[in-house]
PDB file of N, CA and C in Angstrom:
ATOM      1  N   MET A   1      13.886  17.683  15.018  1.00  0.00           N
ATOM      2  CA  MET A   1      14.015  17.266  13.985  1.00  0.00           C
ATOM      3  C   MET A   1      15.355  17.332  13.147  1.00  0.00           C
ATOM      4  N   TYR A   2      16.395  18.297  13.434  1.00  0.00           N
ATOM      5  CA  TYR A   2      17.668  18.035  12.552  1.00  0.00           C
ATOM      6  C   TYR A   2      18.437  19.508  13.256  1.00  0.00           C
ATOM      7  N   LYS A   3      19.652  19.042  13.501  1.00  0.00           N
ATOM      8  CA  LYS A   3      20.402  20.045  14.399  1.00  0.00           C
ATOM      9  C   LYS A   3      21.501  21.454  13.142  1.00  0.00           C
ATOM     10  N   GLU A   4      21.011  22.361  13.430  1.00  0.00           N
ATOM     11  CA  GLU A   4      21.603  23.792  12.700  1.00  0.00           C
ATOM     12  C   GLU A   4      22.964  23.949  13.504  1.00  0.00           C
ATOM     13  N   ARG A   5      24.375  24.139  12.755  1.00  0.00           N
ATOM     14  CA  ARG A   5      25.339  24.677  12.820  1.00  0.00           C
ATOM     15  C   ARG A   5      25.467  26.027  12.608  1.00  0.00           C
ATOM     16  N   GLY A   6      26.141  26.890  12.897  1.00  0.00           N
ATOM     17  CA  GLY A   6      26.317  27.999  12.843  1.00  0.00           C
ATOM     18  C   GLY A   6      27.200  27.963  11.686  1.00  0.00           C
ATOM     19  N   ASN A   7      27.889  29.340  10.919  1.00  0.00           N
ATOM     20  CA  ASN A   7      28.131  29.585  10.128  1.00  0.00           C
ATOM     21  C   ASN A   7      29.757  28.475   9.369  1.00  0.00           C
ATOM     22  N   ILE A   8      29.616  27.415   8.881  1.00  0.00           N
ATOM     23  CA  ILE A   8      30.435  26.778   8.059  1.00  0.00           C
ATOM     24  C   ILE A   8      30.371  26.916   6.782  1.00  0.00           C
ATOM     25  N   MET A   9      31.407  27.492   6.354  1.00  0.00           N
ATOM     26  CA  MET A   9      31.388  27.618   4.674  1.00  0.00           C
ATOM     27  C   MET A   9      30.016  28.935   4.262  1.00  0.00           C
ATOM     28  N   ALA A  10      29.037  29.022   4.552  1.00  0.00           N
ATOM     29  CA  ALA A  10      27.880  29.500   4.795  1.00  0.00           C
ATOM     30  C   ALA A  10      26.999  28.838   5.601  1.00  0.00           C
ATOM     31  N   SER A  11      25.699  28.665   5.768  1.00  0.00           N
ATOM     32  CA  SER A  11      25.109  28.037   6.967  1.00  0.00           C
ATOM     33  C   SER A  11      24.900  26.297   6.394  1.00  0.00           C
ATOM     34  N   ASN A  12      24.982  25.977   7.628  1.00  0.00           N
ATOM     35  CA  ASN A  12      25.060  24.666   7.355  1.00  0.00           C
ATOM     36  C   ASN A  12      24.195  23.863   8.361  1.00  0.00           C
ATOM     37  N   THR A  13      23.050  22.676   7.410  1.00  0.00           N
ATOM     38  CA  THR A  13      22.386  21.641   8.592  1.00  0.00           C
ATOM     39  C   THR A  13      22.981  20.512   8.614  1.00  0.00           C
ATOM     40  N   ILE A  14      23.155  20.153   9.688  1.00  0.00           N
ATOM     41  CA  ILE A  14      23.952  18.404   9.899  1.00  0.00           C
ATOM     42  C   ILE A  14      22.314  18.066  10.122  1.00  0.00           C
ATOM     43  N   MET A  15      22.535  16.589   9.756  1.00  0.00           N
ATOM     44  CA  MET A  15      21.669  15.729   9.658  1.00  0.00           C
ATOM     45  C   MET A  15      21.926  14.465   9.444  1.00  0.00           C
ATOM     46  N   PRO A  16      21.312  13.301  10.691  1.00  0.00           N
ATOM     47  CA  PRO A  16      21.931  11.964  10.628  1.00  0.00           C
ATOM     48  C   PRO A  16      21.037  11.412   8.978  1.00  0.00           C
ATOM     49  N   ILE A  17      21.608  10.321   8.687  1.00  0.00           N
ATOM     50  CA  ILE A  17      21.463   9.885   7.649  1.00  0.00           C
ATOM     51  C   ILE A  17      19.913   9.178   8.212  1.00  0.00           C
ATOM     52  N   THR A  18      20.081   8.803   9.082  1.00  0.00           N
ATOM     53  CA  THR A  18      18.359   7.876   9.240  1.00  0.00           C
ATOM     54  C   THR A  18      17.449   9.338   9.395  1.00  0.00           C
ATOM     55  N   LYS A  19      17.521  10.651   9.505  1.00  0.00           N
ATOM     56  CA  LYS A  19      16.275  11.357   9.271  1.00  0.00           C
ATOM     57  C   LYS A  19      16.273  11.797   7.988  1.00  0.00           C
ATOM     58  N   LEU A  20      17.566  11.460   7.153  1.00  0.00           N
ATOM     59  CA  LEU A  20      17.383  11.774   5.607  1.00  0.00           C
ATOM     60  C   LEU A  20      16.035  11.621   5.147  1.00  0.00           C
ATOM     61  N   ARG A  21      16.123  10.054   5.361  1.00  0.00           N
ATOM     62  CA  ARG A  21      14.750   9.693   4.760  1.00  0.00           C
ATOM     63  C   ARG A  21      13.141  10.383   4.842  1.00  0.00           C
ATOM     64  N   GLU A  22      13.366  10.884   6.464  1.00  0.00           N
ATOM     65  CA  GLU A  22      12.027  11.596   6.837  1.00  0.00           C
ATOM     66  C   GLU A  22      12.290  12.861   6.153  1.00  0.00           C
ATOM     67  N   GLU A  23      13.217  13.765   5.767  1.00  0.00           N
ATOM     68  CA  GLU A  23      13.289  14.621   5.354  1.00  0.00           C
ATOM     69  C   GLU A  23      13.670  15.015   3.715  1.00  0.00           C
ATOM     70  N   ILE A  24      13.668  14.086   3.420  1.00  0.00           N
ATOM     71  CA  ILE A  24      13.916  14.285   2.029  1.00  0.00           C
ATOM     72  C   ILE A  24      12.990  14.909   0.924  1.00  0.00           C
ATOM     73  N   MET A  25      12.279  15.166   1.328  1.00  0.00           N
ATOM     74  CA  MET A  25      10.469  15.731   0.480  1.00  0.00           C
ATOM     75  C   MET A  25      11.076  17.356   0.991  1.00  0.00           C
ATOM     76  N   HIS A  26      11.953  17.420   1.997  1.00  0.00           N
ATOM     77  CA  HIS A  26      12.164  18.880   2.372  1.00  0.00           C
ATOM     78  C   HIS A  26      13.356  19.754   1.652  1.00  0.00           C
ATOM     79  N   LEU A  27      14.160  18.767   1.081  1.00  0.00           N
ATOM     80  CA  LEU A  27      15.736  19.021   0.857  1.00  0.00           C
ATOM     81  C   LEU A  27      15.546  20.558   0.469  1.00  0.00           C
ATOM     82  N   PRO A  28      14.503  20.242  -1.272  1.00  0.00           N
ATOM     83  CA  PRO A  28      14.755  21.615  -1.688  1.00  0.00           C
ATOM     84  C   PRO A  28      14.734  22.762  -1.087  1.00  0.00           C
ATOM     85  N   GLU A  29      13.724  22.816   0.095  1.00  0.00           N
ATOM     86  CA  GLU A  29      13.521  23.989   0.820  1.00  0.00           C
ATOM     87  C   GLU A  29      14.804  24.361   1.792  1.00  0.00           C
ATOM     88  N   LEU A  30      15.413  23.237   2.268  1.00  0.00           N
ATOM     89  CA  LEU A  30      16.895  23.489   3.105  1.00  0.00           C
ATOM     90  C   LEU A  30      17.355  24.211   2.275  1.00  0.00           C
ATOM     91  N   LEU A  31      17.910  23.502   0.989  1.00  0.00           N
ATOM     92  CA  LEU A  31      18.778  23.862   0.119  1.00  0.00           C
ATOM     93  C   LEU A  31      18.864  25.730  -0.881  1.00  0.00           C
ATOM     94  N   ASP A  32      18.883  26.326   0.198  1.00  0.00           N
ATOM     95  CA  ASP A  32      18.582  27.714  -0.430  1.00  0.00           C
ATOM     96  C   ASP A  32      20.461  27.847  -1.292  1.00  0.00           C
ATOM     97  N   GLU A  33      20.379  28.828  -1.707  1.00  0.00           N
ATOM     98  CA  GLU A  33      21.863  29.066  -2.300  1.00  0.00           C
ATOM     99  C   GLU A  33      22.362  29.310  -1.040  1.00  0.00           C
ATOM    100  N   GLU A  34      22.389  30.077   0.313  1.00  0.00           N
ATOM    101  CA  GLU A  34      23.596  29.478   0.781  1.00  0.00           C
ATOM    102  C   GLU A  34      23.521  28.690   2.226  1.00  0.00           C
ATOM    103  N   ARG A  35      22.513  27.397   1.983  1.00  0.00           N
ATOM    104  CA  ARG A  35      22.568  25.976   2.454  1.00  0.00           C
ATOM    105  C   ARG A  35      23.326  25.307   1.894  1.00  0.00           C
ATOM    106  N   GLN A  36      23.942  24.784   2.898  1.00  0.00           N
ATOM    107  CA  GLN A  36      24.643  22.934   2.835  1.00  0.00           C
ATOM    108  C   GLN A  36      24.059  22.344   3.337  1.00  0.00           C
ATOM    109  N   VAL A  37      23.763  20.588   3.555  1.00  0.00           N
ATOM    110  CA  VAL A  37      23.467  19.942   4.395  1.00  0.00           C
ATOM    111  C   VAL A  37      24.181  18.700   4.302  1.00  0.00           C
ATOM    112  N   THR A  38      24.683  18.768   5.781  1.00  0.00           N
ATOM    113  CA  THR A  38      26.143  17.738   5.661  1.00  0.00           C
ATOM    114  C   THR A  38      24.869  16.503   6.402  1.00  0.00           C
ATOM    115  N   ILE A  39      25.310  15.023   5.576  1.00  0.00           N
ATOM    116  CA  ILE A  39      25.166  14.111   5.906  1.00  0.00           C
ATOM    117  C   ILE A  39      25.680  13.378   7.190  1.00  0.00           C
ATOM    118  N   THR A  40      25.412  12.761   8.123  1.00  0.00           N
ATOM    119  CA  THR A  40      26.055  12.551   9.451  1.00  0.00           C
ATOM    120  C   THR A  40      25.683  10.880   9.478  1.00  0.00           C
ATOM    121  N   ARG A  41      27.111  10.023   9.377  1.00  0.00           N
ATOM    122  CA  ARG A  41      26.215   8.803  10.192  1.00  0.00           C
ATOM    123  C   ARG A  41      27.314   8.137  11.660  1.00  0.00           C
ATOM    124  N   ARG A  42      26.744   8.281  12.477  1.00  0.00           N
ATOM    125  CA  ARG A  42      26.876   7.815  13.636  1.00  0.00           C
ATOM    126  C   ARG A  42      27.860   9.098  14.242  1.00  0.00           C
ATOM    127  N   GLY A  43      27.139  10.180  13.865  1.00  0.00           N
ATOM    128  CA  GLY A  43      28.192  11.572  14.553  1.00  0.00           C
ATOM    129  C   GLY A  43      28.908  11.820  13.214  1.00  0.00           C
ATOM    130  N   ASN A  44      29.788  11.062  12.455  1.00  0.00           N
ATOM    131  CA  ASN A  44      30.725  11.648  11.500  1.00  0.00           C
ATOM    132  C   ASN A  44      30.189  12.092  10.234  1.00  0.00           C
ATOM    133  N   PRO A  45      30.175  13.131   9.366  1.00  0.00           N
ATOM    134  CA  PRO A  45      30.083  13.329   8.255  1.00  0.00           C
ATOM    135  C   PRO A  45      30.781  12.651   7.552  1.00  0.00           C
ATOM    136  N   VAL A  46      29.988  12.059   6.650  1.00  0.00           N
ATOM    137  CA  VAL A  46      29.857  11.383   5.149  1.00  0.00           C
ATOM    138  C   VAL A  46      29.313  11.938   3.936  1.00  0.00           C
ATOM    139  N   ALA A  47      28.445  12.748   3.619  1.00  0.00           N
ATOM    140  CA  ALA A  47      28.072  13.450   2.512  1.00  0.00           C
ATOM    141  C   ALA A  47      27.539  14.743   2.718  1.00  0.00           C
ATOM    142  N   VAL A  48      28.025  15.276   1.781  1.00  0.00           N
ATOM    143  CA  VAL A  48      27.163  16.980   1.596  1.00  0.00           C
ATOM    144  C   VAL A  48      26.228  17.086   0.610  1.00  0.00           C
ATOM    145  N   ILE A  49      25.044  17.364   0.636  1.00  0.00           N
ATOM    146  CA  ILE A  49      24.155  18.231  -0.324  1.00  0.00           C
ATOM    147  C   ILE A  49      23.929  19.678  -0.242  1.00  0.00           C
ATOM    148  N   ILE A  50      24.441  19.970  -1.923  1.00  0.00           N
ATOM    149  CA  ILE A  50      24.000  21.373  -1.944  1.00  0.00           C
ATOM    150  C   ILE A  50      23.059  21.864  -2.691  1.00  0.00           C
ATOM    151  N   SER A  51      22.278  23.169  -3.351  1.00  0.00           N
ATOM    152  CA  SER A  51      21.933  23.186  -4.091  1.00  0.00           C
ATOM    153  C   SER A  51      22.574  23.585  -5.201  1.00  0.00           C
ATOM    154  N   TYR A  52      21.426  23.606  -6.279  1.00  0.00           N
ATOM    155  CA  TYR A  52      22.260  23.261  -8.086  1.00  0.00           C
ATOM    156  C   TYR A  52      22.877  24.754  -8.131  1.00  0.00           C
ATOM    157  N   LYS A  53      22.111  25.693  -7.320  1.00  0.00           N
ATOM    158  CA  LYS A  53      22.958  27.202  -7.719  1.00  0.00           C
ATOM    159  C   LYS A  53      24.204  27.274  -7.217  1.00  0.00           C
ATOM    160  N   GLY A  54      24.632  26.091  -5.635  1.00  0.00           N
ATOM    161  CA  GLY A  54      25.780  26.514  -4.713  1.00  0.00           C
ATOM    162  C   GLY A  54      26.685  25.713  -6.108  1.00  0.00           C
ATOM    163  N   PHE A  55      26.239  24.674  -6.349  1.00  0.00           N
ATOM    164  CA  PHE A  55      26.690  24.138  -7.189  1.00  0.00           C
ATOM    165  C   PHE A  55      27.543  24.565  -8.353  1.00  0.00           C
ATOM    166  N   MET A  56      26.654  25.319  -8.984  1.00  0.00           N
ATOM    167  CA  MET A  56      26.988  25.910  -9.646  1.00  0.00           C
ATOM    168  C   MET A  56      28.343  27.194  -9.835  1.00  0.00           C
ATOM    169  N   ARG A  57      28.076  28.073  -8.754  1.00  0.00           N
ATOM    170  CA  ARG A  57      28.709  28.737  -8.737  1.00  0.00           C
ATOM    171  C   ARG A  57      30.383  28.312  -8.071  1.00  0.00           C
ATOM    172  N   ILE A  58      29.911  27.263  -7.467  1.00  0.00           N
ATOM    173  CA  ILE A  58      31.432  26.291  -6.990  1.00  0.00           C
ATOM    174  C   ILE A  58      32.223  26.311  -8.246  1.00  0.00           C
ATOM    175  N   LEU A  59      31.518  25.375  -9.140  1.00  0.00           N
ATOM    176  CA  LEU A  59      32.287  25.213 -10.737  1.00  0.00           C
ATOM    177  C   LEU A  59      32.761  26.542 -11.476  1.00  0.00           C
ATOM    178  N   GLU A  60      31.829  27.590 -11.042  1.00  0.00           N
ATOM    179  CA  GLU A  60      32.301  28.760 -11.758  1.00  0.00           C
ATOM    180  C   GLU A  60      33.936  29.622 -10.647  1.00  0.00           C
ATOM    181  N   GLN A  61      33.853  29.079  -9.753  1.00  0.00           N
ATOM    182  CA  GLN A  61      34.933  29.515  -8.905  1.00  0.00           C
ATOM    183  C   GLN A  61      35.949  29.047  -9.647  1.00  0.00           C
ATOM    184  N   ILE A  62      36.024  27.701  -9.334  1.00  0.00           N
ATOM    185  CA  ILE A  62      37.314  26.292  -9.733  1.00  0.00           C
ATOM    186  C   ILE A  62      37.441  26.928 -11.146  1.00  0.00           C
ATOM    187  N   GLU A  63      36.878  27.658 -12.207  1.00  0.00           N
ATOM    188  CA  GLU A  63      36.792  27.489 -13.581  1.00  0.00           C
ATOM    189  C   GLU A  63      38.020  29.073 -13.193  1.00  0.00           C
ATOM    190  N   LYS A  64      37.224  30.093 -12.574  1.00  0.00           N
ATOM    191  CA  LYS A  64      38.357  31.221 -12.283  1.00  0.00           C
ATOM    192  C   LYS A  64      39.630  31.560 -11.827  1.00  0.00           C
ATOM    193  N   MET A  65      39.689  30.544 -10.896  1.00  0.00           N
ATOM    194  CA  MET A  65      40.838  29.881  -9.996  1.00  0.00           C
ATOM    195  C   MET A  65      41.802  29.016 -11.356  1.00  0.00           C
ATOM    196  N   SER A  66      41.277  28.429 -12.262  1.00  0.00           N
ATOM    197  CA  SER A  66      41.807  27.618 -13.054  1.00  0.00           C
ATOM    198  C   SER A  66      42.431  28.636 -14.108  1.00  0.00           C
ATOM    199  N   GLN A  67      41.854  29.735 -14.655  1.00  0.00           N
ATOM    200  CA  GLN A  67      42.710  30.695 -15.392  1.00  0.00           C
ATOM    201  C   GLN A  67      43.456  31.368 -14.658  1.00  0.00           C
ATOM    202  N   GLU A  68      43.263  31.945 -13.498  1.00  0.00           N
ATOM    203  CA  GLU A  68      44.381  32.994 -12.561  1.00  0.00           C
ATOM    204  C   GLU A  68      45.722  31.800 -12.367  1.00  0.00           C
ATOM    205  N   ILE A  69      45.678  30.843 -12.331  1.00  0.00           N
ATOM    206  CA  ILE A  69      46.419  29.636 -11.800  1.00  0.00           C
ATOM    207  C   ILE A  69      47.055  29.653 -13.231  1.00  0.00           C
ATOM    208  N   GLU A  70      46.239  29.211 -14.220  1.00  0.00           N
ATOM    209  CA  GLU A  70      46.709  29.068 -15.996  1.00  0.00           C
ATOM    210  C   GLU A  70      47.797  30.528 -16.309  1.00  0.00           C
ATOM    211  N   ALA A  71      47.348  32.075 -15.327  1.00  0.00           N
ATOM    212  CA  ALA A  71      48.088  32.992 -16.197  1.00  0.00           C
ATOM    213  C   ALA A  71      48.865  32.919 -14.740  1.00  0.00           C
ATOM    214  N   LEU A  72      49.071  32.332 -13.941  1.00  0.00           N
ATOM    215  CA  LEU A  72      50.332  33.254 -12.927  1.00  0.00           C
ATOM    216  C   LEU A  72      51.521  31.918 -13.669  1.00  0.00           C
ATOM    217  N   GLN A  73      50.931  30.836 -13.626  1.00  0.00           N
ATOM    218  CA  GLN A  73      52.371  29.704 -14.428  1.00  0.00           C
ATOM    219  C   GLN A  73      53.000  30.713 -15.801  1.00  0.00           C
ATOM    220  N   GLU A  74      52.451  30.895 -16.575  1.00  0.00           N
ATOM    221  CA  GLU A  74      52.652  31.734 -18.096  1.00  0.00           C
ATOM    222  C   GLU A  74      53.468  32.940 -17.603  1.00  0.00           C
ATOM    223  N   THR A  75      53.364  33.710 -16.482  1.00  0.00           N
ATOM    224  CA  THR A  75      53.753  35.010 -16.004  1.00  0.00           C
ATOM    225  C   THR A  75      55.669  34.261 -15.286  1.00  0.00           C
ATOM    226  N   ILE A  76      55.068  33.003 -14.859  1.00  0.00           N
ATOM    227  CA  ILE A  76      56.859  32.472 -13.957  1.00  0.00           C
ATOM    228  C   ILE A  76      57.449  31.935 -15.236  1.00  0.00           C
ATOM    229  N   GLU A  77      56.620  31.024 -16.151  1.00  0.00           N
ATOM    230  CA  GLU A  77      57.607  30.987 -17.257  1.00  0.00           C
ATOM    231  C   GLU A  77      58.441  32.089 -18.199  1.00  0.00           C
ATOM    232  N   ILE A  78      57.694  33.222 -17.922  1.00  0.00           N
ATOM    233  CA  ILE A  78      57.851  34.789 -18.866  1.00  0.00           C
ATOM    234  C   ILE A  78      59.500  35.596 -17.643  1.00  0.00           C
ATOM    235  N   LEU A  79      59.143  35.191 -16.524  1.00  0.00           N
ATOM    236  CA  LEU A  79      60.075  35.604 -16.175  1.00  0.00           C
ATOM    237  C   LEU A  79      61.439  34.398 -15.745  1.00  0.00           C
ATOM    238  N   GLN A  80      60.996  33.530 -16.394  1.00  0.00           N
ATOM    239  CA  GLN A  80      62.293  32.753 -16.141  1.00  0.00           C
ATOM    240  C   GLN A  80      63.247  32.767 -17.349  1.00  0.00           C
ATOM    241  N   ASP A  81      62.505  33.158 -18.067  1.00  0.00           N
ATOM    242  CA  ASP A  81      63.359  33.107 -19.763  1.00  0.00           C
ATOM    243  C   ASP A  81      64.107  34.350 -19.595  1.00  0.00           C
ATOM    244  N   LYS A  82      65.406  34.026 -19.671  1.00  0.00           N
ATOM    245  CA  LYS A  82      66.058  35.151 -19.435  1.00  0.00           C
ATOM    246  C   LYS A  82      66.535  35.879 -20.991  1.00  0.00           C
ATOM    247  N   GLU A  83      66.280  35.167 -21.382  1.00  0.00           N
ATOM    248  CA  GLU A  83      66.529  36.140 -22.267  1.00  0.00           C
ATOM    249  C   GLU A  83      65.403  37.066 -23.119  1.00  0.00           C
ATOM    250  N   LEU A  84      64.008  36.509 -22.899  1.00  0.00           N
ATOM    251  CA  LEU A  84      62.868  37.299 -23.156  1.00  0.00           C
ATOM    252  C   LEU A  84      62.788  38.565 -21.986  1.00  0.00           C
ATOM    253  N   MET A  85      63.129  38.130 -20.864  1.00  0.00           N
ATOM    254  CA  MET A  85      63.330  39.037 -19.785  1.00  0.00           C
ATOM    255  C   MET A  85      64.192  40.796 -20.473  1.00  0.00           C
ATOM    256  N   GLU A  86      65.483  39.939 -20.933  1.00  0.00           N
ATOM    257  CA  GLU A  86      66.659  41.121 -21.236  1.00  0.00           C
ATOM    258  C   GLU A  86      66.114  42.201 -22.595  1.00  0.00           C
ATOM    259  N   SER A  87      65.072  40.939 -23.215  1.00  0.00           N
ATOM    260  CA  SER A  87      64.612  42.060 -24.448  1.00  0.00           C
ATOM    261  C   SER A  87      63.822  42.721 -23.872  1.00  0.00           C
ATOM    262  N   ILE A  88      62.652  42.101 -22.998  1.00  0.00           N
ATOM    263  CA  ILE A  88      61.889  43.027 -22.614  1.00  0.00           C
ATOM    264  C   ILE A  88      62.539  44.544 -22.015  1.00  0.00           C
ATOM    265  N   ARG A  89      63.814  44.007 -20.752  1.00  0.00           N
ATOM    266  CA  ARG A  89      64.358  44.974 -20.330  1.00  0.00           C
ATOM    267  C   ARG A  89      64.888  46.158 -21.614  1.00  0.00           C
ATOM    268  N   GLU A  90      65.506  45.974 -21.887  1.00  0.00           N
ATOM    269  CA  GLU A  90      66.043  46.328 -23.656  1.00  0.00           C
ATOM    270  C   GLU A  90      65.063  47.454 -24.030  1.00  0.00           C
ATOM    271  N   GLY A  91      63.875  47.052 -24.173  1.00  0.00           N
ATOM    272  CA  GLY A  91      62.427  47.695 -24.941  1.00  0.00           C
ATOM    273  C   GLY A  91      62.150  48.919 -23.795  1.00  0.00           C
ATOM    274  N   MET A  92      61.906  48.243 -22.526  1.00  0.00           N
ATOM    275  CA  MET A  92      61.648  49.417 -21.628  1.00  0.00           C
ATOM    276  C   MET A  92      62.830  50.388 -22.247  1.00  0.00           C
ATOM    277  N   GLU A  93      64.007  50.170 -21.526  1.00  0.00           N
ATOM    278  CA  GLU A  93      64.709  51.211 -21.684  1.00  0.00           C
ATOM    279  C   GLU A  93      64.986  52.074 -22.519  1.00  0.00           C
ATOM    280  N   ALA A  94      64.789  51.322 -23.796  1.00  0.00           N
ATOM    281  CA  ALA A  94      64.333  51.808 -25.290  1.00  0.00           C
ATOM    282  C   ALA A  94      63.158  53.265 -25.249  1.00  0.00           C
ATOM    283  N   ILE A  95      62.144  52.733 -24.730  1.00  0.00           N
ATOM    284  CA  ILE A  95      61.012  53.916 -24.656  1.00  0.00           C
ATOM    285  C   ILE A  95      61.563  55.108 -24.083  1.00  0.00           C
ATOM    286  N   GLN A  96      62.122  55.042 -22.173  1.00  0.00           N
ATOM    287  CA  GLN A  96      62.171  55.367 -21.339  1.00  0.00           C
ATOM    288  C   GLN A  96      63.206  56.589 -22.111  1.00  0.00           C
ATOM    289  N   ARG A  97      64.317  56.269 -23.006  1.00  0.00           N
ATOM    290  CA  ARG A  97      64.905  57.431 -23.949  1.00  0.00           C
ATOM    291  C   ARG A  97      64.435  57.687 -25.207  1.00  0.00           C
ATOM    292  N   GLY A  98      62.643  57.194 -25.261  1.00  0.00           N
ATOM    293  CA  GLY A  98      62.261  58.081 -26.626  1.00  0.00           C
ATOM    294  C   GLY A  98      62.885  57.179 -27.468  1.00  0.00           C
ATOM    295  N   ASP A  99      63.547  56.337 -27.698  1.00  0.00           N
ATOM    296  CA  ASP A  99      64.097  55.640 -29.000  1.00  0.00           C
ATOM    297  C   ASP A  99      62.583  54.488 -29.094  1.00  0.00           C
ATOM    298  N   THR A 100      61.721  55.308 -30.270  1.00  0.00           N
ATOM    299  CA  THR A 100      60.527  54.589 -30.476  1.00  0.00           C
ATOM    300  C   THR A 100      60.282  54.868 -31.998  1.00  0.00           C
ATOM    301  N   VAL A 101      59.328  54.120 -32.963  1.00  0.00           N
ATOM    302  CA  VAL A 101      58.944  54.954 -34.005  1.00  0.00           C
ATOM    303  C   VAL A 101      57.643  54.347 -33.967  1.00  0.00           C
ATOM    304  N   SER A 102      56.812  55.362 -34.867  1.00  0.00           N
ATOM    305  CA  SER A 102      55.309  55.399 -34.961  1.00  0.00           C
ATOM    306  C   SER A 102      54.790  54.026 -35.462  1.00  0.00           C
ATOM    307  N   LEU A 103      53.582  54.199 -35.330  1.00  0.00           N
ATOM    308  CA  LEU A 103      52.868  52.980 -35.874  1.00  0.00           C
ATOM    309  C   LEU A 103      52.909  52.382 -37.067  1.00  0.00           C
ATOM    310  N   GLU A 104      52.579  53.981 -37.862  1.00  0.00           N
ATOM    311  CA  GLU A 104      53.591  53.872 -39.612  1.00  0.00           C
ATOM    312  C   GLU A 104      54.470  53.286 -39.662  1.00  0.00           C
ATOM    313  N   GLU A 105      55.170  53.826 -39.412  1.00  0.00           N
ATOM    314  CA  GLU A 105      57.253  53.299 -39.586  1.00  0.00           C
ATOM    315  C   GLU A 105      57.309  51.841 -39.468  1.00  0.00           C
ATOM    316  N   ALA A 106      56.662  51.507 -38.345  1.00  0.00           N
ATOM    317  CA  ALA A 106      56.636  50.187 -37.947  1.00  0.00           C
ATOM    318  C   ALA A 106      55.982  49.109 -39.045  1.00  0.00           C
ATOM    319  N   ARG A 107      54.729  49.702 -39.244  1.00  0.00           N
ATOM    320  CA  ARG A 107      54.234  49.039 -40.430  1.00  0.00           C
ATOM    321  C   ARG A 107      55.368  48.971 -41.633  1.00  0.00           C
ATOM    322  N   GLN A 108      55.772  49.955 -41.960  1.00  0.00           N
ATOM    323  CA  GLN A 108      56.141  50.222 -43.311  1.00  0.00           C
ATOM    324  C   GLN A 108      57.502  49.054 -43.482  1.00  0.00           C
ATOM    325  N   ALA A 109      58.265  49.102 -41.759  1.00  0.00           N
ATOM    326  CA  ALA A 109      59.413  48.465 -41.580  1.00  0.00           C
ATOM    327  C   ALA A 109      59.033  46.732 -41.967  1.00  0.00           C
ATOM    328  N   LEU A 110      58.193  46.813 -41.301  1.00  0.00           N
ATOM    329  CA  LEU A 110      57.591  44.829 -41.823  1.00  0.00           C
ATOM    330  C   LEU A 110      57.047  44.999 -42.624  1.00  0.00           C
ATOM    331  N   GLU A 111      56.510  45.860 -43.437  1.00  0.00           N
ATOM    332  CA  GLU A 111      55.780  45.886 -45.125  1.00  0.00           C
ATOM    333  C   GLU A 111      55.121  45.164 -44.722  1.00  0.00           C
ATOM    334  N   LEU A 112      53.937  46.010 -43.820  1.00  0.00           N
ATOM    335  CA  LEU A 112      52.780  45.457 -43.237  1.00  0.00           C
ATOM    336  C   LEU A 112      51.967  46.210 -44.357  1.00  0.00           C
ATOM    337  N   GLU A 113      51.919  46.983 -44.808  1.00  0.00           N
ATOM    338  CA  GLU A 113      51.705  47.995 -45.986  1.00  0.00           C
ATOM    339  C   GLU A 113      52.078  47.693 -47.553  1.00  0.00           C
TER     340      GLU A 113
END
């Protein structure tokens, strides 16, 4: 029927393209959440078929990674801004010295009340 190979990014079924026609009706059963089917032609991988749930999980992971990359880029920008870093350093030193104002005092100073 088809060959199954060990743990390659989850359980991976290797199927020659000629067998795909015979197995197409059974593909949904093969494509549970933890499985993918790699289609081969002349022994070389040419396509991968995954379940809808697996596809959505990949999209979610890509979105999370994209957000993490964006956050890292923002952090790098802040760290490279010498004036901003100096202001942050001065603010942290002021806090350590106890040189702070209450929320009420800050609101009054900024005329927010």
